[in-house]
Amino acid sequence: MHIDIAGLPADRVVFATSPLAELGLALHALSEPGHHPGLHGWTTATAAALEPDLADRLVEAEFLWRNTFSDIFLPFSGIPGGDGRTGAGLAEDLDILDRLDDERFVAAATEFTCSSMYGSDAPSPLTDPVMRARALDMAAARGPRQVEFTKRLLADPVSVRAWIRRLLEDCDQAFFADTWRRVSVQLAADARHKTELLRRKGLADAIGAVSSAVTLDEAADRITIDKLSEGRTTTVDPDVGIGLTLIPTSFGWPHLTVLHARRWRPVIHYPVRMPDLPSPASVEQLQRRMEALAHPMRMRLCRNLARSPYTTGELAESHSITPPEVSRHLSVLKKAGLVTTRRRGRYVLHQLDLTVIARLGSDFLEGVLR
């Protein structure tokens, strides 16, 4: 995913916190706790304490945050001529959300119905019959609740917008206000630190501190975000002005979100780094690892290498293949970063890196150690 930054002045790059964006990811964690094992205690306690009426309303609107993270949680990005600044509190963020025109709001709220067109300049389902029919058809795949919600949104966006605001305000009263008080200190400190890096050392250092998955190619005037999804946007747009906003999140890990819709200011929504979290592998490295482990002989070699160090000759004898064949398989595993090598006298010993394997998945680790 790429963000073109040609012509972007440093003073148009904004690091800021957003309670509305954090609330959106907190709601996502409640809907998909499996994505966020580190939040298990919070999600369990919060879900158990929800009043039934609020829990039901959250289920009704969860398509806004469960499978896709709707751009309505980053409304400052869609204000034409805006400065990319978020609100000082949730109420101000919601006021900014109210400033979005109905077409932008509905397009963002029904993103799950047109994700294949995200980033294009598709017409609004409020005005285009084809897009309206598509929105209803895609909503049908999610169930009757979302069909009914989408019908109401398309028929009367004003009342539905008011309903959504009340829902988010009730979430704030029920659980989020206390949560935001706890996490906002760390997020504000992170935004200040990145702002200072930007001021003192420049955009490359500030971007490099965001995530190892985000890099700046100064020669190409481009920021690249290493994701399996694809997209492109620009920081210079006549409809929304010039700028880039970066928002830290405490609830977001492992998600790294990029808002790249047409006629919206680009936003990178990144998880703050925790000292106990390893840096993420690149998508290319992940692909190499999966391909390396897909070969049946390499799987069998991994079974030996997971238990203790082996020489090439020992592995060849154990599996009735030639040492050159073992060497070729080991080369693939090494390039994927799965095997370490050390010398003991005249022998070269190979061993599986169990820390890396554990990050790929416990099922594979248990399988090779079974």
Protein backbone atom coordinates (compact mmCIF):
# COMPACT_ATOMS: atom_id res chain seq x y z
CA MET A 1 0.00 0.00 0.00
CA HIS A 2 1.44 3.37 -1.00
CA ILE A 3 0.92 7.01 0.00
CA ASP A 4 2.40 9.55 -2.41
CA ILE A 5 3.91 12.49 -0.52
CA ALA A 6 5.31 14.65 -3.33
CA GLY A 7 4.76 18.28 -2.35
CA LEU A 8 3.93 17.46 1.29
CA PRO A 9 5.40 20.04 3.71
CA ALA A 10 6.57 18.69 7.08
CA ASP A 11 4.15 20.98 8.92
CA ARG A 12 1.21 19.22 7.24
CA VAL A 13 2.12 15.89 8.89
CA VAL A 14 0.10 15.51 12.09
CA PHE A 15 0.50 13.00 14.93
CA ALA A 16 -2.63 13.13 17.08
CA THR A 17 -4.78 11.01 19.37
CA SER A 18 -8.45 10.31 18.71
CA PRO A 19 -10.91 8.97 21.31
CA LEU A 20 -13.42 8.16 18.56
CA ALA A 21 -10.86 6.08 16.64
CA GLU A 22 -9.88 4.29 19.86
CA LEU A 23 -13.54 3.62 20.69
CA GLY A 24 -13.97 2.06 17.25
CA LEU A 25 -11.08 -0.34 17.87
CA ALA A 26 -12.31 -1.09 21.39
CA LEU A 27 -15.66 -2.10 19.86
CA HIS A 28 -13.80 -4.23 17.30
CA ALA A 29 -11.95 -5.99 20.14
CA LEU A 30 -15.28 -6.70 21.84
CA SER A 31 -16.67 -8.20 18.61
CA GLU A 32 -13.50 -10.13 17.68
CA PRO A 33 -11.65 -10.94 20.94
CA GLY A 34 -9.68 -13.65 19.13
CA HIS A 35 -7.84 -10.93 17.19
CA HIS A 36 -6.63 -9.40 20.46
CA PRO A 37 -5.50 -12.06 22.95
CA GLY A 38 -3.68 -9.44 25.01
CA LEU A 39 -7.03 -7.75 25.73
CA HIS A 40 -8.78 -10.91 26.92
CA GLY A 41 -9.31 -9.62 30.46
CA TRP A 42 -10.69 -6.29 29.29
CA THR A 43 -13.03 -7.76 26.64
CA THR A 44 -14.38 -10.41 29.01
CA ALA A 45 -15.07 -7.98 31.84
CA THR A 46 -16.51 -5.28 29.58
CA ALA A 47 -18.81 -7.64 27.66
CA ALA A 48 -20.10 -9.15 30.90
CA ALA A 49 -20.95 -5.71 32.32
CA LEU A 50 -22.90 -4.43 29.27
CA GLU A 51 -26.57 -3.71 29.78
CA PRO A 52 -28.72 -5.93 27.52
CA ASP A 53 -30.16 -2.99 25.57
CA LEU A 54 -26.70 -1.59 24.79
CA ALA A 55 -25.39 -5.05 23.88
CA ASP A 56 -28.28 -5.53 21.43
CA ARG A 57 -27.68 -2.16 19.79
CA LEU A 58 -23.98 -2.94 19.42
CA VAL A 59 -24.83 -6.15 17.59
CA GLU A 60 -27.11 -4.20 15.27
CA ALA A 61 -24.32 -1.80 14.27
CA GLU A 62 -21.27 -4.06 14.58
CA PHE A 63 -20.67 -4.20 10.81
CA LEU A 64 -19.18 -0.73 11.28
CA TRP A 65 -16.23 -2.19 13.18
CA ARG A 66 -16.23 -6.00 13.09
CA ASN A 67 -15.08 -7.08 9.61
CA THR A 68 -13.96 -3.66 8.38
CA PHE A 69 -13.03 -0.58 10.35
CA SER A 70 -15.38 2.10 9.02
CA ASP A 71 -13.92 5.46 8.09
CA ILE A 72 -16.64 7.15 10.15
CA PHE A 73 -14.29 6.63 13.13
CA LEU A 74 -11.78 8.96 11.45
CA PRO A 75 -14.19 11.72 10.34
CA PHE A 76 -11.63 14.56 10.43
CA SER A 77 -10.12 12.95 7.32
CA GLY A 78 -13.26 13.56 5.29
CA ILE A 79 -13.75 17.27 6.02
CA PRO A 80 -12.85 19.24 2.86
CA GLY A 81 -10.14 21.77 3.61
CA GLY A 82 -9.64 20.39 7.12
CA ASP A 83 -6.34 20.52 8.97
CA GLY A 84 -6.23 16.82 9.91
CA ARG A 85 -6.75 17.56 13.59
CA THR A 86 -8.88 15.38 15.83
CA GLY A 87 -11.16 16.49 18.63
CA ALA A 88 -9.91 17.12 22.17
CA GLY A 89 -12.43 14.60 23.47
CA LEU A 90 -15.05 12.17 22.25
CA ALA A 91 -17.76 14.85 22.10
CA GLU A 92 -15.60 16.99 19.80
CA ASP A 93 -14.77 13.98 17.62
CA LEU A 94 -18.49 13.26 17.32
CA ASP A 95 -19.11 16.91 16.41
CA ILE A 96 -16.60 16.49 13.57
CA LEU A 97 -18.47 13.34 12.52
CA ASP A 98 -21.68 15.39 12.38
CA ARG A 99 -19.97 17.76 9.93
CA LEU A 100 -19.54 15.03 7.31
CA ASP A 101 -22.10 15.40 4.54
CA ASP A 102 -24.61 12.56 4.16
CA GLU A 103 -23.00 11.14 1.03
CA ARG A 104 -19.59 10.79 2.68
CA PHE A 105 -21.12 9.39 5.85
CA VAL A 106 -23.26 6.79 4.08
CA ALA A 107 -20.41 5.75 1.77
CA ALA A 108 -18.16 5.21 4.80
CA ALA A 109 -20.85 3.48 6.85
CA THR A 110 -21.66 1.04 4.03
CA GLU A 111 -18.00 0.33 3.27
CA PHE A 112 -18.59 -3.39 3.96
CA THR A 113 -20.95 -3.46 0.95
CA CYS A 114 -18.45 -2.06 -1.52
CA SER A 115 -14.99 -2.94 -0.18
CA SER A 116 -13.89 -4.03 -3.66
CA MET A 117 -14.48 -0.42 -4.77
CA TYR A 118 -12.71 1.17 -1.82
CA GLY A 119 -10.24 3.74 -3.03
CA SER A 120 -12.18 4.33 -6.25
CA ASP A 121 -14.50 7.25 -6.90
CA ALA A 122 -17.66 5.13 -6.89
CA PRO A 123 -21.00 6.99 -6.83
CA SER A 124 -22.96 7.26 -3.60
CA PRO A 125 -25.64 4.64 -2.84
CA LEU A 126 -27.82 7.60 -1.78
CA THR A 127 -27.99 8.87 -5.35
CA ASP A 128 -27.03 5.96 -7.59
CA PRO A 129 -29.59 3.11 -8.03
CA VAL A 130 -26.92 0.56 -9.00
CA MET A 131 -24.83 1.27 -5.89
CA ARG A 132 -27.97 1.25 -3.77
CA ALA A 133 -28.94 -2.20 -5.06
CA ARG A 134 -25.38 -3.42 -4.51
CA ALA A 135 -25.38 -2.14 -0.93
CA LEU A 136 -28.61 -4.00 -0.15
CA ASP A 137 -27.42 -7.21 -1.86
CA MET A 138 -24.14 -7.20 0.07
CA ALA A 139 -25.95 -6.43 3.33
CA ALA A 140 -28.15 -9.49 2.74
CA ALA A 141 -25.06 -11.70 2.96
CA ARG A 142 -24.52 -10.40 6.53
CA GLY A 143 -28.02 -11.22 7.72
CA PRO A 144 -31.46 -9.63 8.22
CA ARG A 145 -30.31 -7.17 10.91
CA GLN A 146 -27.88 -5.50 8.54
CA VAL A 147 -30.32 -5.49 5.64
CA GLU A 148 -32.80 -3.62 7.81
CA PHE A 149 -30.12 -1.25 9.09
CA THR A 150 -28.87 -0.52 5.56
CA LYS A 151 -32.42 0.16 4.37
CA ARG A 152 -32.96 2.64 7.19
CA LEU A 153 -29.61 4.30 6.55
CA LEU A 154 -30.34 4.76 2.85
CA ALA A 155 -33.91 5.93 3.46
CA ASP A 156 -33.25 8.31 6.36
CA PRO A 157 -29.54 8.96 6.98
CA VAL A 158 -30.22 11.86 9.34
CA SER A 159 -32.08 9.79 11.95
CA VAL A 160 -29.65 6.86 11.65
CA ARG A 161 -26.70 9.21 12.16
CA ALA A 162 -28.33 10.51 15.33
CA TRP A 163 -28.92 6.89 16.45
CA ILE A 164 -25.24 6.04 15.91
CA ARG A 165 -24.11 9.11 17.85
CA ARG A 166 -26.33 8.16 20.79
CA LEU A 167 -24.96 4.61 20.66
CA LEU A 168 -21.36 5.82 20.83
CA GLU A 169 -22.20 8.28 23.63
CA ASP A 170 -23.81 5.43 25.58
CA CYS A 171 -20.67 3.32 25.08
CA ASP A 172 -18.66 6.21 26.48
CA GLN A 173 -20.85 6.38 29.55
CA ALA A 174 -20.95 2.60 30.05
CA PHE A 175 -17.27 1.73 29.73
CA PHE A 176 -15.16 3.83 27.37
CA ALA A 177 -14.68 7.02 29.40
CA ASP A 178 -12.75 5.12 32.06
CA THR A 179 -10.84 3.18 29.42
CA TRP A 180 -9.86 6.35 27.56
CA ARG A 181 -8.60 7.99 30.76
CA ARG A 182 -6.32 5.00 31.24
CA VAL A 183 -4.91 4.66 27.70
CA SER A 184 -4.89 8.29 26.57
CA VAL A 185 -1.81 9.18 28.62
CA GLN A 186 0.33 6.65 26.74
CA LEU A 187 -1.15 7.60 23.37
CA ALA A 188 -0.59 11.33 23.94
CA ALA A 189 3.00 10.64 24.97
CA ASP A 190 3.55 8.60 21.81
CA ALA A 191 2.10 11.35 19.59
CA ARG A 192 4.30 13.97 21.29
CA HIS A 193 7.39 11.81 20.85
CA LYS A 194 6.73 11.26 17.14
CA THR A 195 6.01 14.97 16.66
CA GLU A 196 9.33 15.83 18.26
CA LEU A 197 11.12 13.27 16.06
CA LEU A 198 9.50 14.86 13.02
CA ARG A 199 10.59 18.34 14.11
CA ARG A 200 14.16 17.45 15.02
CA LYS A 201 15.10 14.64 12.64
CA GLY A 202 12.59 14.72 9.78
CA LEU A 203 9.86 12.58 8.29
CA ALA A 204 12.02 9.48 7.69
CA ASP A 205 12.85 9.08 11.38
CA ALA A 206 9.29 9.82 12.48
CA ILE A 207 7.85 7.29 10.02
CA GLY A 208 10.48 4.72 10.96
CA ALA A 209 9.42 4.99 14.61
CA VAL A 210 5.78 4.23 13.76
CA SER A 211 6.27 0.59 12.71
CA SER A 212 8.81 -1.58 10.93
CA ALA A 213 6.02 -2.23 8.41
CA VAL A 214 5.97 1.48 7.41
CA THR A 215 8.87 2.84 5.36
CA LEU A 216 9.65 6.08 3.57
CA ASP A 217 11.23 6.09 0.12
CA GLU A 218 12.44 9.67 -0.12
CA ALA A 219 13.68 9.27 -3.70
CA ALA A 220 10.22 8.17 -4.83
CA ASP A 221 8.34 10.59 -2.56
CA ARG A 222 6.34 7.66 -1.25
CA ILE A 223 5.42 5.98 2.03
CA THR A 224 4.95 2.21 1.76
CA ILE A 225 2.91 0.19 4.24
CA ASP A 226 3.64 -3.54 4.17
CA LYS A 227 0.16 -5.12 4.10
CA LEU A 228 -1.52 -7.95 2.20
CA SER A 229 -4.11 -5.47 0.94
CA GLU A 230 -3.32 -3.09 -1.91
CA GLY A 231 -4.14 0.55 -2.40
CA ARG A 232 -2.75 3.95 -3.26
CA THR A 233 -3.55 7.48 -2.20
CA THR A 234 -1.94 10.90 -2.09
CA THR A 235 -1.36 13.57 0.52
CA VAL A 236 -2.12 16.31 -2.00
CA ASP A 237 -5.77 16.35 -3.04
CA PRO A 238 -7.68 19.43 -4.27
CA ASP A 239 -10.86 18.19 -2.58
CA VAL A 240 -9.49 17.77 0.95
CA GLY A 241 -6.26 19.77 0.93
CA ILE A 242 -2.72 18.74 1.76
CA GLY A 243 -1.72 16.57 4.68
CA LEU A 244 -1.18 13.23 6.41
CA THR A 245 -2.40 12.24 9.87
CA LEU A 246 -1.01 9.43 12.02
CA ILE A 247 -3.03 8.14 14.99
CA PRO A 248 -1.56 5.86 17.68
CA THR A 249 -3.80 3.18 19.20
CA SER A 250 -3.56 1.02 22.28
CA PHE A 251 -6.36 -1.37 21.28
CA GLY A 252 -5.30 -1.80 17.65
CA TRP A 253 -2.45 -4.33 17.78
CA PRO A 254 -1.90 -6.32 15.57
CA HIS A 255 -3.92 -4.23 13.10
CA LEU A 256 -2.21 -1.47 11.14
CA THR A 257 -4.95 0.48 9.36
CA VAL A 258 -4.56 2.85 6.42
CA LEU A 259 -7.38 5.15 5.32
CA HIS A 260 -6.88 5.59 1.57
CA ALA A 261 -10.36 6.47 0.30
CA ARG A 262 -10.66 8.93 -2.56
CA ARG A 263 -11.32 12.52 -1.47
CA TRP A 264 -10.32 11.71 2.14
CA ARG A 265 -7.09 12.80 3.83
CA PRO A 266 -4.79 9.75 4.23
CA VAL A 267 -4.48 8.38 7.75
CA ILE A 268 -2.15 5.75 9.23
CA HIS A 269 -3.69 4.26 12.38
CA TYR A 270 -0.85 2.40 14.08
CA PRO A 271 -0.50 0.36 17.30
CA VAL A 272 1.85 1.81 19.88
CA ARG A 273 4.88 -0.36 20.41
CA MET A 274 4.97 -2.47 23.54
CA PRO A 275 8.36 -3.58 24.85
CA ASP A 276 7.28 -7.24 24.96
CA LEU A 277 5.97 -7.32 21.38
CA PRO A 278 8.37 -8.42 18.61
CA SER A 279 8.61 -6.42 15.41
CA PRO A 280 6.24 -7.82 12.76
CA ALA A 281 7.68 -9.87 9.91
CA SER A 282 7.24 -8.42 6.44
CA VAL A 283 4.55 -9.90 4.20
CA GLU A 284 7.30 -11.15 1.89
CA GLN A 285 9.07 -12.88 4.79
CA LEU A 286 5.79 -14.40 5.99
CA GLN A 287 5.15 -15.77 2.49
CA ARG A 288 8.66 -17.27 2.38
CA ARG A 289 8.10 -18.98 5.72
CA MET A 290 4.75 -20.45 4.76
CA GLU A 291 6.11 -21.72 1.45
CA ALA A 292 9.17 -23.19 3.16
CA LEU A 293 7.01 -25.12 5.62
CA ALA A 294 4.58 -26.34 2.96
CA HIS A 295 7.07 -28.92 1.59
CA PRO A 296 6.59 -32.38 3.20
CA MET A 297 10.32 -33.14 3.42
CA ARG A 298 11.05 -29.81 5.08
CA MET A 299 8.25 -30.53 7.54
CA ARG A 300 9.97 -33.81 8.44
CA LEU A 301 13.34 -32.09 8.76
CA CYS A 302 11.75 -29.54 11.08
CA ARG A 303 10.64 -32.37 13.34
CA ASN A 304 14.28 -33.29 13.94
CA LEU A 305 15.52 -29.71 14.10
CA ALA A 306 12.88 -28.74 16.67
CA ARG A 307 14.25 -31.27 19.15
CA SER A 308 18.00 -30.73 18.94
CA PRO A 309 20.77 -29.54 16.60
CA TYR A 310 21.65 -31.83 13.67
CA THR A 311 24.37 -31.92 11.07
CA THR A 312 23.59 -32.21 7.39
CA GLY A 313 24.94 -35.78 7.35
CA GLU A 314 22.77 -36.83 10.30
CA LEU A 315 19.65 -35.45 8.63
CA ALA A 316 20.53 -37.17 5.34
CA GLU A 317 20.93 -40.50 7.09
CA SER A 318 17.75 -40.10 9.15
CA HIS A 319 15.61 -39.40 6.08
CA SER A 320 17.40 -41.56 3.50
CA ILE A 321 18.21 -38.68 1.18
CA THR A 322 21.55 -37.27 -0.01
CA PRO A 323 23.44 -34.52 1.85
CA PRO A 324 23.06 -32.13 -1.15
CA GLU A 325 19.29 -32.59 -0.98
CA VAL A 326 19.34 -31.79 2.73
CA SER A 327 21.48 -28.72 2.06
CA ARG A 328 18.98 -27.42 -0.52
CA HIS A 329 16.09 -27.81 1.93
CA LEU A 330 18.10 -26.20 4.74
CA SER A 331 18.93 -23.28 2.46
CA VAL A 332 15.22 -22.60 1.94
CA LEU A 333 14.54 -22.79 5.68
CA LYS A 334 17.46 -20.45 6.44
CA LYS A 335 16.32 -17.85 3.88
CA ALA A 336 12.95 -17.91 5.57
CA GLY A 337 14.62 -17.23 8.93
CA LEU A 338 13.41 -20.52 10.42
CA VAL A 339 16.72 -22.28 11.05
CA THR A 340 19.85 -21.14 12.89
CA THR A 341 23.34 -22.56 12.32
CA ARG A 342 26.36 -22.81 14.60
CA ARG A 343 29.70 -24.55 14.37
CA ARG A 344 31.02 -27.09 16.88
CA GLY A 345 34.55 -28.04 15.96
CA ARG A 346 34.49 -29.34 12.41
CA TYR A 347 30.74 -29.93 12.50
CA VAL A 348 28.05 -27.46 11.45
CA LEU A 349 24.85 -27.86 13.46
CA HIS A 350 21.40 -26.70 12.37
CA GLN A 351 18.44 -26.07 14.65
CA LEU A 352 14.88 -24.78 14.29
CA ASP A 353 14.28 -21.31 15.77
CA LEU A 354 11.35 -22.14 18.06
CA THR A 355 10.71 -18.48 18.89
CA VAL A 356 9.98 -17.70 15.23
CA ILE A 357 7.95 -20.89 14.82
CA ALA A 358 5.85 -20.06 17.89
CA ARG A 359 4.95 -16.71 16.33
CA LEU A 360 3.69 -18.51 13.22
CA GLY A 361 1.31 -20.67 15.21
CA SER A 362 1.07 -23.12 18.08
CA ASP A 363 -0.51 -25.85 15.92
CA PHE A 364 2.61 -26.17 13.78
CA LEU A 365 4.90 -26.10 16.82
CA GLU A 366 2.85 -28.77 18.58
CA GLY A 367 2.79 -30.82 15.38
CA VAL A 368 6.55 -30.94 14.94
CA LEU A 369 7.12 -31.61 18.64
CA ARG A 370 4.39 -34.25 18.93
